[in-house]
N, C-alpha and C. Protein backbone atom coordinates (compact mmCIF):
# COMPACT_ATOMS: atom_id res chain seq x y z
N MET A 1 0.86 -1.17 0.00
CA MET A 1 0.00 0.00 0.00
C MET A 1 0.90 1.23 0.00
N SER A 2 0.69 2.13 -0.88
CA SER A 2 1.53 3.32 -0.96
C SER A 2 0.98 4.42 -0.06
N SER A 3 1.85 5.35 0.27
CA SER A 3 1.42 6.44 1.13
C SER A 3 0.38 7.32 0.45
N SER A 4 0.35 7.33 -0.89
CA SER A 4 -0.63 8.16 -1.58
C SER A 4 -2.04 7.58 -1.45
N THR A 5 -2.15 6.28 -1.22
CA THR A 5 -3.45 5.64 -1.06
C THR A 5 -4.10 6.02 0.26
N THR A 6 -3.33 6.00 1.35
CA THR A 6 -3.89 6.21 2.67
C THR A 6 -3.48 7.52 3.31
N GLY A 7 -2.45 8.15 2.80
CA GLY A 7 -1.94 9.35 3.43
C GLY A 7 -0.99 9.04 4.58
N LEU A 8 -0.67 7.76 4.77
CA LEU A 8 0.23 7.33 5.83
C LEU A 8 1.51 6.78 5.23
N PRO A 9 2.58 6.81 6.00
CA PRO A 9 3.81 6.19 5.51
C PRO A 9 3.65 4.68 5.38
N GLU A 10 4.54 4.04 4.62
CA GLU A 10 4.48 2.60 4.39
C GLU A 10 4.46 1.81 5.70
N ARG A 11 5.25 2.13 6.66
CA ARG A 11 5.34 1.45 7.94
C ARG A 11 4.85 2.37 9.03
N PRO A 12 4.45 1.84 10.16
CA PRO A 12 3.80 2.63 11.21
C PRO A 12 4.72 3.57 11.96
N ARG A 13 5.04 4.66 11.37
CA ARG A 13 5.86 5.67 12.04
C ARG A 13 5.06 6.95 12.25
N PHE A 14 3.76 6.83 12.23
CA PHE A 14 2.89 7.98 12.46
C PHE A 14 2.37 7.92 13.89
N GLN A 15 1.92 9.03 14.42
CA GLN A 15 1.48 9.14 15.79
C GLN A 15 -0.01 8.84 15.89
N LEU A 16 -0.33 7.68 16.41
CA LEU A 16 -1.72 7.33 16.70
C LEU A 16 -2.08 7.83 18.09
N GLN A 17 -3.30 8.23 18.24
CA GLN A 17 -3.81 8.53 19.57
C GLN A 17 -4.74 7.38 19.93
N VAL A 18 -4.46 6.69 21.02
CA VAL A 18 -5.36 5.66 21.53
C VAL A 18 -6.04 6.25 22.74
N ARG A 19 -7.37 6.24 22.71
CA ARG A 19 -8.15 6.87 23.78
C ARG A 19 -9.40 6.05 24.04
N ARG A 20 -10.09 6.39 25.10
CA ARG A 20 -11.37 5.75 25.42
C ARG A 20 -12.39 6.10 24.34
N GLY A 21 -13.17 5.10 23.96
CA GLY A 21 -14.23 5.33 22.98
C GLY A 21 -15.35 6.16 23.59
N GLU A 22 -15.99 6.94 22.74
CA GLU A 22 -17.08 7.82 23.17
C GLU A 22 -18.28 7.62 22.25
N LEU A 23 -19.43 8.12 22.65
CA LEU A 23 -20.64 7.98 21.84
C LEU A 23 -20.44 8.54 20.43
N ARG A 24 -19.68 9.61 20.31
CA ARG A 24 -19.45 10.22 18.99
C ARG A 24 -18.70 9.29 18.03
N ASP A 25 -18.09 8.21 18.56
CA ASP A 25 -17.33 7.26 17.74
C ASP A 25 -18.19 6.12 17.20
N ALA A 26 -19.44 6.05 17.60
CA ALA A 26 -20.29 4.89 17.30
C ALA A 26 -20.41 4.60 15.80
N ALA A 27 -20.59 5.62 14.98
CA ALA A 27 -20.75 5.39 13.54
C ALA A 27 -19.47 4.79 12.93
N GLU A 28 -18.32 5.28 13.35
CA GLU A 28 -17.05 4.75 12.84
C GLU A 28 -16.79 3.34 13.36
N ILE A 29 -17.16 3.08 14.60
CA ILE A 29 -17.03 1.73 15.16
C ILE A 29 -17.91 0.77 14.37
N ALA A 30 -19.13 1.18 14.05
CA ALA A 30 -20.03 0.35 13.24
C ALA A 30 -19.45 0.13 11.84
N ARG A 31 -18.88 1.16 11.25
CA ARG A 31 -18.31 1.04 9.89
C ARG A 31 -17.19 0.00 9.87
N ILE A 32 -16.30 0.07 10.84
CA ILE A 32 -15.18 -0.87 10.89
C ILE A 32 -15.68 -2.28 11.18
N TYR A 33 -16.67 -2.41 12.03
CA TYR A 33 -17.26 -3.72 12.32
C TYR A 33 -17.89 -4.30 11.05
N HIS A 34 -18.56 -3.47 10.27
CA HIS A 34 -19.15 -3.94 9.00
C HIS A 34 -18.09 -4.52 8.09
N GLN A 35 -16.93 -3.86 8.02
CA GLN A 35 -15.84 -4.39 7.21
C GLN A 35 -15.45 -5.80 7.68
N ALA A 36 -15.38 -5.99 8.99
CA ALA A 36 -15.01 -7.30 9.53
C ALA A 36 -16.03 -8.36 9.16
N THR A 37 -17.32 -8.00 9.17
CA THR A 37 -18.33 -8.99 8.78
C THR A 37 -18.20 -9.33 7.30
N GLN A 38 -17.85 -8.37 6.49
CA GLN A 38 -17.68 -8.61 5.05
C GLN A 38 -16.44 -9.44 4.76
N ASP A 39 -15.36 -9.22 5.51
CA ASP A 39 -14.08 -9.87 5.25
C ASP A 39 -13.96 -11.26 5.85
N HIS A 40 -14.86 -11.62 6.77
CA HIS A 40 -14.80 -12.93 7.45
C HIS A 40 -13.42 -13.21 8.02
N GLN A 41 -12.79 -12.18 8.62
CA GLN A 41 -11.46 -12.34 9.19
C GLN A 41 -11.49 -12.44 10.71
N ALA A 42 -12.33 -11.67 11.36
CA ALA A 42 -12.25 -11.60 12.82
C ALA A 42 -13.56 -11.95 13.51
N THR A 43 -14.67 -11.74 12.86
CA THR A 43 -15.95 -11.94 13.53
C THR A 43 -16.69 -13.12 12.92
N PHE A 44 -17.56 -13.70 13.73
CA PHE A 44 -18.38 -14.81 13.27
C PHE A 44 -19.76 -14.32 12.85
N GLU A 45 -19.99 -13.05 13.00
CA GLU A 45 -21.30 -12.48 12.69
C GLU A 45 -21.41 -12.21 11.20
N ASN A 46 -22.63 -12.20 10.71
CA ASN A 46 -22.83 -11.87 9.30
C ASN A 46 -24.00 -10.91 9.13
N PHE A 47 -24.21 -10.08 10.14
CA PHE A 47 -25.28 -9.09 10.06
C PHE A 47 -24.69 -7.71 10.31
N LEU A 48 -25.40 -6.71 9.85
CA LEU A 48 -24.94 -5.34 10.01
C LEU A 48 -25.52 -4.75 11.29
N VAL A 49 -24.74 -3.91 11.94
CA VAL A 49 -25.21 -3.19 13.12
C VAL A 49 -25.32 -1.72 12.75
N SER A 50 -26.28 -1.06 13.34
CA SER A 50 -26.48 0.35 13.04
C SER A 50 -25.66 1.22 13.99
N PRO A 51 -25.39 2.45 13.57
CA PRO A 51 -24.72 3.37 14.50
C PRO A 51 -25.51 3.57 15.79
N VAL A 52 -26.84 3.52 15.71
CA VAL A 52 -27.66 3.67 16.92
C VAL A 52 -27.43 2.49 17.87
N GLU A 53 -27.37 1.28 17.32
CA GLU A 53 -27.10 0.11 18.14
C GLU A 53 -25.71 0.22 18.75
N ARG A 54 -24.75 0.69 17.97
CA ARG A 54 -23.38 0.84 18.48
C ARG A 54 -23.32 1.91 19.56
N GLU A 55 -24.15 2.95 19.49
CA GLU A 55 -24.19 3.95 20.56
C GLU A 55 -24.57 3.29 21.88
N ARG A 56 -25.59 2.43 21.85
CA ARG A 56 -26.00 1.71 23.05
C ARG A 56 -24.84 0.85 23.55
N TRP A 57 -24.17 0.16 22.64
CA TRP A 57 -23.06 -0.73 22.97
C TRP A 57 -21.89 0.08 23.57
N VAL A 58 -21.57 1.22 22.98
CA VAL A 58 -20.49 2.08 23.50
C VAL A 58 -20.84 2.51 24.93
N ALA A 59 -22.07 2.90 25.15
CA ALA A 59 -22.50 3.38 26.47
C ALA A 59 -22.42 2.28 27.53
N GLU A 60 -22.50 1.03 27.14
CA GLU A 60 -22.45 -0.09 28.09
C GLU A 60 -21.04 -0.35 28.63
N HIS A 61 -20.03 0.18 27.98
CA HIS A 61 -18.66 -0.06 28.46
C HIS A 61 -18.42 0.71 29.75
N SER A 62 -17.49 0.18 30.52
CA SER A 62 -17.25 0.74 31.85
C SER A 62 -15.75 0.83 32.11
N GLU A 63 -15.42 1.32 33.27
CA GLU A 63 -14.01 1.38 33.66
C GLU A 63 -13.42 -0.02 33.69
N ARG A 64 -14.17 -1.00 34.14
CA ARG A 64 -13.68 -2.39 34.25
C ARG A 64 -13.58 -3.06 32.88
N PHE A 65 -14.45 -2.69 31.96
CA PHE A 65 -14.47 -3.27 30.62
C PHE A 65 -14.45 -2.13 29.59
N PRO A 66 -13.26 -1.57 29.36
CA PRO A 66 -13.16 -0.37 28.51
C PRO A 66 -13.26 -0.65 27.02
N LEU A 67 -13.56 0.40 26.30
CA LEU A 67 -13.55 0.45 24.85
C LEU A 67 -12.50 1.49 24.46
N LEU A 68 -11.56 1.10 23.61
CA LEU A 68 -10.52 2.01 23.15
C LEU A 68 -10.64 2.19 21.64
N VAL A 69 -10.29 3.38 21.17
CA VAL A 69 -10.23 3.63 19.72
C VAL A 69 -8.84 4.17 19.39
N ALA A 70 -8.38 3.82 18.19
CA ALA A 70 -7.12 4.36 17.66
C ALA A 70 -7.50 5.41 16.64
N GLU A 71 -7.00 6.61 16.82
CA GLU A 71 -7.38 7.75 15.99
C GLU A 71 -6.13 8.38 15.39
N PHE A 72 -6.25 8.77 14.14
CA PHE A 72 -5.17 9.49 13.47
C PHE A 72 -5.80 10.66 12.73
N GLN A 73 -5.40 11.86 13.08
CA GLN A 73 -5.91 13.08 12.46
C GLN A 73 -7.44 13.09 12.38
N GLY A 74 -8.07 12.71 13.50
CA GLY A 74 -9.52 12.76 13.59
C GLY A 74 -10.27 11.57 13.00
N ARG A 75 -9.56 10.61 12.42
CA ARG A 75 -10.20 9.45 11.81
C ARG A 75 -9.96 8.22 12.68
N ILE A 76 -11.02 7.47 12.97
CA ILE A 76 -10.91 6.24 13.74
C ILE A 76 -10.39 5.14 12.80
N LEU A 77 -9.24 4.55 13.17
CA LEU A 77 -8.62 3.51 12.35
C LEU A 77 -8.85 2.11 12.89
N GLY A 78 -9.29 2.02 14.13
CA GLY A 78 -9.55 0.72 14.73
C GLY A 78 -10.08 0.89 16.13
N TRP A 79 -10.56 -0.21 16.68
CA TRP A 79 -11.06 -0.19 18.05
C TRP A 79 -10.84 -1.54 18.72
N ALA A 80 -10.79 -1.51 20.03
CA ALA A 80 -10.65 -2.71 20.84
C ALA A 80 -11.51 -2.55 22.08
N SER A 81 -12.13 -3.64 22.50
CA SER A 81 -12.94 -3.57 23.71
C SER A 81 -12.73 -4.83 24.54
N LEU A 82 -12.93 -4.66 25.82
CA LEU A 82 -12.94 -5.78 26.75
C LEU A 82 -14.37 -5.99 27.21
N GLY A 83 -14.75 -7.25 27.31
CA GLY A 83 -16.09 -7.59 27.79
C GLY A 83 -16.00 -8.73 28.78
N SER A 84 -17.07 -8.94 29.49
CA SER A 84 -17.13 -10.01 30.47
C SER A 84 -17.01 -11.35 29.76
N TYR A 85 -16.22 -12.25 30.32
CA TYR A 85 -16.06 -13.59 29.75
C TYR A 85 -17.20 -14.49 30.18
N HIS A 86 -17.37 -14.65 31.46
CA HIS A 86 -18.48 -15.42 32.03
C HIS A 86 -18.94 -14.69 33.28
N VAL A 87 -20.20 -14.72 33.51
CA VAL A 87 -20.72 -14.07 34.71
C VAL A 87 -20.78 -15.13 35.81
N ARG A 88 -19.60 -15.51 36.26
CA ARG A 88 -19.46 -16.45 37.36
C ARG A 88 -18.35 -15.92 38.26
N PRO A 89 -18.52 -16.00 39.57
CA PRO A 89 -17.52 -15.42 40.48
C PRO A 89 -16.11 -15.97 40.27
N HIS A 90 -15.96 -17.24 39.99
CA HIS A 90 -14.61 -17.80 39.84
C HIS A 90 -13.97 -17.43 38.50
N MET A 91 -14.69 -16.79 37.62
CA MET A 91 -14.15 -16.31 36.35
C MET A 91 -13.88 -14.81 36.38
N ASP A 92 -14.16 -14.18 37.52
CA ASP A 92 -13.90 -12.75 37.64
C ASP A 92 -12.41 -12.51 37.44
N GLY A 93 -12.06 -11.56 36.60
CA GLY A 93 -10.66 -11.29 36.29
C GLY A 93 -10.26 -11.74 34.90
N ILE A 94 -11.18 -12.43 34.22
CA ILE A 94 -10.95 -12.82 32.83
C ILE A 94 -11.85 -11.93 31.96
N ALA A 95 -11.26 -11.35 30.92
CA ALA A 95 -12.04 -10.50 30.01
C ALA A 95 -11.84 -11.00 28.58
N GLU A 96 -12.86 -10.83 27.77
CA GLU A 96 -12.78 -11.22 26.37
C GLU A 96 -12.50 -10.00 25.51
N LEU A 97 -11.53 -10.15 24.62
CA LEU A 97 -11.10 -9.05 23.75
C LEU A 97 -11.80 -9.12 22.39
N LEU A 98 -12.24 -7.96 21.93
CA LEU A 98 -12.64 -7.76 20.54
C LEU A 98 -11.71 -6.69 19.99
N ILE A 99 -11.19 -6.90 18.79
CA ILE A 99 -10.32 -5.89 18.17
C ILE A 99 -10.56 -5.91 16.67
N TYR A 100 -10.79 -4.73 16.11
CA TYR A 100 -11.08 -4.59 14.68
C TYR A 100 -10.33 -3.38 14.14
N ILE A 101 -9.76 -3.56 12.95
CA ILE A 101 -8.98 -2.50 12.32
C ILE A 101 -9.57 -2.19 10.95
N ASP A 102 -9.67 -0.91 10.62
CA ASP A 102 -10.11 -0.48 9.30
C ASP A 102 -9.25 -1.19 8.25
N ARG A 103 -9.89 -1.78 7.25
CA ARG A 103 -9.14 -2.59 6.28
C ARG A 103 -8.07 -1.80 5.53
N ASP A 104 -8.24 -0.49 5.38
CA ASP A 104 -7.23 0.31 4.69
C ASP A 104 -5.99 0.56 5.55
N PHE A 105 -6.07 0.23 6.84
CA PHE A 105 -4.96 0.53 7.74
C PHE A 105 -4.42 -0.72 8.44
N ARG A 106 -4.82 -1.88 7.98
CA ARG A 106 -4.24 -3.11 8.50
C ARG A 106 -2.79 -3.18 8.04
N ARG A 107 -1.97 -3.76 8.86
CA ARG A 107 -0.52 -3.91 8.60
C ARG A 107 0.22 -2.56 8.63
N HIS A 108 -0.34 -1.61 9.36
CA HIS A 108 0.32 -0.31 9.57
C HIS A 108 0.65 -0.10 11.04
N GLY A 109 0.46 -1.11 11.88
CA GLY A 109 0.78 -1.00 13.30
C GLY A 109 -0.38 -0.56 14.18
N VAL A 110 -1.55 -0.33 13.59
CA VAL A 110 -2.71 0.10 14.36
C VAL A 110 -3.10 -0.99 15.36
N GLY A 111 -3.19 -2.23 14.90
CA GLY A 111 -3.56 -3.34 15.77
C GLY A 111 -2.58 -3.51 16.91
N ARG A 112 -1.30 -3.41 16.61
CA ARG A 112 -0.26 -3.55 17.64
C ARG A 112 -0.41 -2.47 18.71
N GLU A 113 -0.63 -1.23 18.30
CA GLU A 113 -0.79 -0.14 19.28
C GLU A 113 -2.04 -0.33 20.13
N LEU A 114 -3.14 -0.71 19.48
CA LEU A 114 -4.38 -0.96 20.22
C LEU A 114 -4.21 -2.13 21.18
N MET A 115 -3.56 -3.20 20.71
CA MET A 115 -3.38 -4.38 21.55
C MET A 115 -2.56 -4.03 22.79
N ARG A 116 -1.48 -3.30 22.59
CA ARG A 116 -0.66 -2.92 23.75
C ARG A 116 -1.44 -2.03 24.71
N ALA A 117 -2.23 -1.12 24.17
CA ALA A 117 -3.02 -0.22 25.03
C ALA A 117 -4.08 -0.99 25.80
N VAL A 118 -4.75 -1.92 25.14
CA VAL A 118 -5.81 -2.67 25.82
C VAL A 118 -5.21 -3.63 26.85
N GLN A 119 -4.02 -4.16 26.59
CA GLN A 119 -3.35 -5.00 27.58
C GLN A 119 -3.00 -4.18 28.82
N SER A 120 -2.53 -2.97 28.62
CA SER A 120 -2.21 -2.08 29.73
C SER A 120 -3.48 -1.73 30.52
N GLU A 121 -4.55 -1.43 29.80
CA GLU A 121 -5.82 -1.12 30.48
C GLU A 121 -6.30 -2.32 31.28
N ALA A 122 -6.18 -3.51 30.70
CA ALA A 122 -6.61 -4.73 31.40
C ALA A 122 -5.82 -4.92 32.69
N ARG A 123 -4.54 -4.67 32.63
CA ARG A 123 -3.68 -4.76 33.82
C ARG A 123 -4.19 -3.77 34.88
N SER A 124 -4.43 -2.52 34.47
CA SER A 124 -4.91 -1.49 35.40
C SER A 124 -6.28 -1.83 35.99
N CYS A 125 -7.11 -2.53 35.20
CA CYS A 125 -8.46 -2.89 35.66
C CYS A 125 -8.47 -4.10 36.58
N GLY A 126 -7.30 -4.76 36.73
CA GLY A 126 -7.22 -5.91 37.62
C GLY A 126 -7.48 -7.25 36.96
N HIS A 127 -7.63 -7.28 35.64
CA HIS A 127 -7.81 -8.57 34.96
C HIS A 127 -6.51 -9.36 35.01
N PHE A 128 -6.62 -10.67 35.12
CA PHE A 128 -5.42 -11.51 35.11
C PHE A 128 -5.27 -12.29 33.81
N LYS A 129 -6.33 -12.29 33.00
CA LYS A 129 -6.26 -13.00 31.73
C LYS A 129 -7.20 -12.36 30.73
N LEU A 130 -6.74 -12.31 29.47
CA LEU A 130 -7.60 -11.91 28.36
C LEU A 130 -7.71 -13.12 27.44
N ILE A 131 -8.88 -13.27 26.84
CA ILE A 131 -9.07 -14.34 25.87
C ILE A 131 -9.63 -13.74 24.59
N GLY A 132 -9.45 -14.45 23.51
CA GLY A 132 -9.99 -14.01 22.23
C GLY A 132 -10.21 -15.20 21.32
N ARG A 133 -11.02 -14.99 20.30
CA ARG A 133 -11.32 -16.00 19.29
C ARG A 133 -11.45 -15.32 17.95
N PHE A 134 -10.95 -15.97 16.92
CA PHE A 134 -11.12 -15.44 15.57
C PHE A 134 -10.95 -16.58 14.58
N VAL A 135 -11.37 -16.35 13.34
CA VAL A 135 -11.29 -17.40 12.33
C VAL A 135 -9.83 -17.75 12.07
N ALA A 136 -9.59 -19.05 11.88
CA ALA A 136 -8.22 -19.57 11.81
C ALA A 136 -7.44 -19.06 10.61
N HIS A 137 -8.11 -18.69 9.53
CA HIS A 137 -7.37 -18.22 8.35
C HIS A 137 -6.94 -16.75 8.46
N ASN A 138 -7.20 -16.13 9.59
CA ASN A 138 -6.80 -14.73 9.82
C ASN A 138 -5.32 -14.70 10.23
N ASP A 139 -4.45 -14.81 9.24
CA ASP A 139 -3.00 -14.85 9.50
C ASP A 139 -2.51 -13.57 10.18
N ALA A 140 -3.07 -12.42 9.81
CA ALA A 140 -2.64 -11.16 10.43
C ALA A 140 -3.01 -11.15 11.91
N GLY A 141 -4.17 -11.66 12.26
CA GLY A 141 -4.57 -11.74 13.66
C GLY A 141 -3.67 -12.67 14.45
N ARG A 142 -3.31 -13.79 13.85
CA ARG A 142 -2.41 -14.73 14.52
C ARG A 142 -1.03 -14.09 14.74
N ARG A 143 -0.55 -13.38 13.74
CA ARG A 143 0.75 -12.71 13.84
C ARG A 143 0.70 -11.62 14.92
N LEU A 144 -0.38 -10.84 14.93
CA LEU A 144 -0.54 -9.80 15.95
C LEU A 144 -0.50 -10.40 17.35
N CYS A 145 -1.20 -11.49 17.54
CA CYS A 145 -1.20 -12.13 18.86
C CYS A 145 0.20 -12.59 19.25
N ARG A 146 0.90 -13.22 18.35
CA ARG A 146 2.28 -13.67 18.66
C ARG A 146 3.17 -12.48 19.01
N MET A 147 3.07 -11.39 18.24
CA MET A 147 3.91 -10.21 18.46
C MET A 147 3.65 -9.52 19.80
N THR A 148 2.45 -9.69 20.33
CA THR A 148 2.08 -8.96 21.55
C THR A 148 1.94 -9.88 22.77
N GLY A 149 2.52 -11.09 22.68
CA GLY A 149 2.60 -11.95 23.85
C GLY A 149 1.44 -12.88 24.11
N TRP A 150 0.55 -13.03 23.15
CA TRP A 150 -0.57 -13.95 23.30
C TRP A 150 -0.12 -15.36 22.95
N ARG A 151 -0.87 -16.34 23.43
CA ARG A 151 -0.60 -17.75 23.18
C ARG A 151 -1.82 -18.38 22.53
N GLU A 152 -1.58 -19.17 21.48
CA GLU A 152 -2.68 -19.94 20.89
C GLU A 152 -2.96 -21.14 21.78
N VAL A 153 -4.19 -21.24 22.23
CA VAL A 153 -4.60 -22.33 23.10
C VAL A 153 -4.99 -23.54 22.25
N GLY A 154 -5.62 -23.27 21.13
CA GLY A 154 -6.05 -24.36 20.26
C GLY A 154 -6.93 -23.85 19.14
N VAL A 155 -7.43 -24.80 18.37
CA VAL A 155 -8.30 -24.48 17.25
C VAL A 155 -9.56 -25.33 17.36
N TYR A 156 -10.70 -24.66 17.36
CA TYR A 156 -11.98 -25.35 17.28
C TYR A 156 -12.22 -25.64 15.80
N GLN A 157 -12.37 -26.88 15.43
CA GLN A 157 -12.60 -27.22 14.04
C GLN A 157 -14.08 -27.09 13.70
N LYS A 158 -14.33 -26.54 12.50
CA LYS A 158 -15.69 -26.37 12.00
C LYS A 158 -16.60 -25.80 13.10
N HIS A 159 -16.18 -24.66 13.63
CA HIS A 159 -16.83 -24.07 14.79
C HIS A 159 -17.93 -23.07 14.44
N THR A 160 -17.82 -22.46 13.29
CA THR A 160 -18.84 -21.50 12.89
C THR A 160 -19.12 -21.65 11.40
N ARG A 161 -20.33 -21.37 11.02
CA ARG A 161 -20.73 -21.51 9.62
C ARG A 161 -21.28 -20.18 9.14
N LEU A 162 -20.68 -19.66 8.09
CA LEU A 162 -21.11 -18.40 7.50
C LEU A 162 -21.33 -18.61 6.01
N GLU A 163 -22.48 -18.19 5.55
CA GLU A 163 -22.81 -18.27 4.13
C GLU A 163 -22.55 -19.66 3.56
N GLY A 164 -22.91 -20.68 4.36
CA GLY A 164 -22.81 -22.06 3.91
C GLY A 164 -21.42 -22.68 4.00
N GLN A 165 -20.44 -21.96 4.51
CA GLN A 165 -19.08 -22.48 4.60
C GLN A 165 -18.67 -22.60 6.08
N TRP A 166 -18.03 -23.72 6.42
CA TRP A 166 -17.53 -23.94 7.77
C TRP A 166 -16.18 -23.26 7.96
N TYR A 167 -15.98 -22.71 9.16
CA TYR A 167 -14.71 -22.06 9.50
C TYR A 167 -14.19 -22.62 10.82
N ASP A 168 -12.88 -22.83 10.87
CA ASP A 168 -12.21 -23.16 12.12
C ASP A 168 -11.97 -21.87 12.89
N VAL A 169 -11.89 -21.97 14.21
CA VAL A 169 -11.73 -20.81 15.07
C VAL A 169 -10.54 -21.01 15.99
N VAL A 170 -9.64 -20.02 16.03
CA VAL A 170 -8.48 -20.04 16.91
C VAL A 170 -8.88 -19.43 18.25
N VAL A 171 -8.43 -20.06 19.32
CA VAL A 171 -8.65 -19.56 20.68
C VAL A 171 -7.29 -19.11 21.20
N VAL A 172 -7.22 -17.87 21.71
CA VAL A 172 -5.97 -17.30 22.20
C VAL A 172 -6.16 -16.76 23.61
N GLU A 173 -5.04 -16.65 24.34
CA GLU A 173 -5.10 -16.08 25.69
C GLU A 173 -3.84 -15.26 25.95
N TYR A 174 -4.00 -14.31 26.85
CA TYR A 174 -2.90 -13.45 27.28
C TYR A 174 -2.96 -13.38 28.80
N LEU A 175 -1.92 -13.85 29.46
CA LEU A 175 -1.86 -13.81 30.92
C LEU A 175 -1.19 -12.52 31.38
N ILE A 176 -1.69 -11.97 32.47
CA ILE A 176 -1.14 -10.76 33.06
C ILE A 176 -0.56 -11.16 34.42
N PRO A 177 0.74 -11.54 34.43
CA PRO A 177 1.35 -12.10 35.64
C PRO A 177 1.23 -11.21 36.87
N ASP A 178 1.32 -9.89 36.70
CA ASP A 178 1.23 -8.98 37.86
C ASP A 178 -0.09 -9.16 38.61
N ASN A 179 -1.14 -9.58 37.91
CA ASN A 179 -2.46 -9.69 38.53
C ASN A 179 -2.82 -11.12 38.92
N LEU A 180 -1.88 -12.05 38.79
CA LEU A 180 -2.12 -13.43 39.16
C LEU A 180 -1.80 -13.71 40.63
N LYS A 181 -1.33 -12.72 41.32
CA LYS A 181 -0.91 -12.90 42.72
C LYS A 181 -2.07 -12.99 43.66
């Protein structure tokens, strides 16, 4: 991808701002999520969400389960959120990660910056483990996880079916040793 296509340098040497998501970001969050549903790379969903639905979803996030956005010159390039894994007392401290990057800005370091920021937030929130799942053919997602200290736990075979095709799903985890004490 050339810099003339996106306005960014070839490699991630630009200054991203990673911040808490706000209601004003809902339309961009929905847009990026729509790309993920079309690309069958990160999500198992195949339906569109509206900006209004995303506003409700953004408002549901809390200090314990934050939503972060990566912004460059006023444009949202990606987002990451933590959500409850299971509502059981013995699972308290485990959060599930969702992370989506605008398709025009994948492989520019946006995912890496968001991942590092969300890992730091998780540590501050007291979580001891993050988990995630994504389709197995998402090589960029697998590479991102390896680069940021995640471990592949395994692969669920034929775990989700979209548009008549079966997909395997990778399960990943990230331990936060400081919070395991």
